[in-house]
N, C-alpha and C. Protein backbone atom coordinates (compact mmCIF):
# COMPACT_ATOMS: atom_id res chain seq x y z
N MET A 1 -3.75 18.85 -9.44
CA MET A 1 -3.89 18.23 -8.19
C MET A 1 -2.81 17.14 -8.04
N PRO A 2 -1.85 17.17 -7.07
CA PRO A 2 -0.75 16.46 -7.00
C PRO A 2 -1.02 15.13 -6.30
N ARG A 3 -2.03 15.03 -5.53
CA ARG A 3 -2.32 13.87 -4.82
C ARG A 3 -2.84 12.69 -5.81
N GLU A 4 -2.34 11.49 -5.87
CA GLU A 4 -2.71 10.40 -6.64
C GLU A 4 -3.08 9.15 -5.83
N ILE A 5 -3.99 8.25 -6.34
CA ILE A 5 -4.39 7.09 -5.73
C ILE A 5 -3.23 6.06 -5.98
N VAL A 6 -2.98 5.39 -4.89
CA VAL A 6 -2.02 4.20 -4.94
C VAL A 6 -2.59 2.96 -4.45
N THR A 7 -2.26 1.87 -4.81
CA THR A 7 -2.70 0.59 -4.28
C THR A 7 -1.61 -0.07 -3.39
N LEU A 8 -2.02 -0.66 -2.43
CA LEU A 8 -1.22 -1.32 -1.43
C LEU A 8 -1.36 -2.89 -1.66
N GLN A 9 -0.15 -3.60 -1.53
CA GLN A 9 -0.19 -4.97 -1.85
C GLN A 9 0.47 -5.67 -0.70
N CYS A 10 -0.11 -6.77 -0.19
CA CYS A 10 0.49 -7.57 0.82
C CYS A 10 1.85 -8.20 0.46
N ASN A 11 2.75 -8.11 1.30
CA ASN A 11 4.16 -8.67 0.89
C ASN A 11 4.15 -10.15 1.02
N VAL A 12 3.29 -10.81 1.75
CA VAL A 12 3.28 -12.22 2.02
C VAL A 12 2.51 -12.83 0.79
N CYS A 13 1.13 -12.56 0.73
CA CYS A 13 0.29 -13.24 -0.27
C CYS A 13 0.11 -12.56 -1.51
N LYS A 14 0.66 -11.40 -1.66
CA LYS A 14 0.49 -10.60 -2.98
C LYS A 14 -0.78 -10.03 -3.25
N ASN A 15 -1.85 -10.17 -2.17
CA ASN A 15 -3.20 -9.71 -2.47
C ASN A 15 -3.23 -8.11 -2.32
N ARG A 16 -3.95 -7.42 -3.36
CA ARG A 16 -4.13 -6.04 -3.27
C ARG A 16 -5.40 -5.62 -2.58
N ASN A 17 -5.17 -5.25 -1.28
CA ASN A 17 -6.23 -5.07 -0.30
C ASN A 17 -6.68 -3.58 -0.14
N TYR A 18 -5.76 -2.70 -0.18
CA TYR A 18 -6.04 -1.26 0.22
C TYR A 18 -5.62 -0.26 -0.84
N SER A 19 -6.05 0.90 -0.79
CA SER A 19 -5.82 1.81 -1.64
C SER A 19 -5.73 3.13 -0.77
N THR A 20 -4.88 4.17 -1.10
CA THR A 20 -4.61 5.30 -0.37
C THR A 20 -4.19 6.30 -1.41
N THR A 21 -4.06 7.59 -0.82
CA THR A 21 -3.49 8.85 -1.81
C THR A 21 -2.23 9.13 -1.22
N LYS A 22 -1.39 9.78 -2.06
CA LYS A 22 -0.03 10.35 -1.65
C LYS A 22 0.30 11.44 -2.58
N ASN A 23 1.11 12.39 -2.10
CA ASN A 23 1.62 13.49 -2.81
C ASN A 23 2.82 13.06 -3.52
N ARG A 24 2.89 12.99 -4.85
CA ARG A 24 4.04 12.50 -5.54
C ARG A 24 5.19 13.38 -5.54
N LYS A 25 4.82 14.71 -5.49
CA LYS A 25 5.95 15.66 -5.28
C LYS A 25 6.83 15.55 -3.95
N THR A 26 6.22 15.44 -3.05
CA THR A 26 6.86 15.35 -1.64
C THR A 26 7.39 13.88 -1.31
N THR A 27 6.68 13.06 -1.70
CA THR A 27 7.01 11.56 -1.38
C THR A 27 7.30 10.84 -2.59
N THR A 28 8.46 10.60 -2.96
CA THR A 28 8.90 10.10 -4.18
C THR A 28 9.05 8.46 -4.10
N ASP A 29 9.44 8.02 -2.91
CA ASP A 29 9.66 6.64 -2.67
C ASP A 29 8.41 5.88 -2.50
N ARG A 30 8.43 4.62 -2.41
CA ARG A 30 7.17 3.86 -2.25
C ARG A 30 6.68 3.80 -0.80
N LEU A 31 5.41 3.89 -0.49
CA LEU A 31 4.83 3.77 0.82
C LEU A 31 4.92 2.27 1.22
N GLU A 32 5.10 2.25 2.75
CA GLU A 32 4.98 0.87 3.23
C GLU A 32 4.22 1.02 4.59
N PHE A 33 3.16 0.15 4.91
CA PHE A 33 2.48 0.21 6.17
C PHE A 33 2.34 -1.14 6.54
N SER A 34 2.05 -1.36 7.98
CA SER A 34 1.69 -2.52 8.47
C SER A 34 0.17 -2.55 8.56
N LYS A 35 -0.46 -3.28 7.78
CA LYS A 35 -1.95 -3.22 7.71
C LYS A 35 -2.40 -4.75 7.89
N PHE A 36 -3.79 -4.92 8.24
CA PHE A 36 -4.43 -6.25 8.42
C PHE A 36 -4.67 -6.84 6.98
N CYS A 37 -4.32 -7.95 6.77
CA CYS A 37 -4.53 -8.77 5.52
C CYS A 37 -5.75 -9.81 5.70
N LYS A 38 -6.72 -9.76 5.04
CA LYS A 38 -7.91 -10.70 5.32
C LYS A 38 -7.52 -12.11 4.88
N ARG A 39 -6.63 -12.20 3.85
CA ARG A 39 -6.43 -13.58 3.30
C ARG A 39 -5.47 -14.13 4.20
N CYS A 40 -4.43 -13.37 4.74
CA CYS A 40 -3.40 -14.05 5.66
C CYS A 40 -4.02 -14.08 7.05
N ARG A 41 -4.93 -13.20 7.33
CA ARG A 41 -5.76 -13.09 8.69
C ARG A 41 -4.67 -12.72 9.72
N LYS A 42 -3.66 -11.76 9.48
CA LYS A 42 -2.87 -11.25 10.45
C LYS A 42 -2.32 -9.91 9.86
N HIS A 43 -1.61 -9.18 10.69
CA HIS A 43 -0.96 -7.91 10.28
C HIS A 43 0.38 -8.22 9.52
N THR A 44 0.51 -7.61 8.42
CA THR A 44 1.53 -7.82 7.52
C THR A 44 2.00 -6.47 6.99
N ASP A 45 3.19 -6.51 6.33
CA ASP A 45 3.57 -5.28 5.61
C ASP A 45 3.00 -5.28 4.33
N HIS A 46 2.55 -4.08 3.95
CA HIS A 46 1.90 -3.78 2.73
C HIS A 46 2.62 -2.62 1.97
N LYS A 47 2.99 -2.91 0.75
CA LYS A 47 3.90 -1.98 0.06
C LYS A 47 3.09 -1.47 -1.20
N GLU A 48 3.50 -0.23 -1.61
CA GLU A 48 2.77 0.39 -2.74
C GLU A 48 3.17 -0.30 -4.03
N THR A 49 2.21 -0.43 -4.91
CA THR A 49 2.39 -1.05 -6.09
C THR A 49 2.08 -0.05 -7.31
N LYS A 50 2.17 -0.41 -8.44
CA LYS A 50 2.04 0.41 -9.68
C LYS A 50 0.53 0.45 -9.95
């Protein structure tokens, strides 16, 4: 099964709010999305962490 669970972390407050899956064979770089952060109370960039 090539899909693995990854955690997304807010770039502003460093809170780990979201988890998603990705295919590591096709997507080798880190994911980055604009998501709503509950702690910051606004949309911020969230980047994949280990």
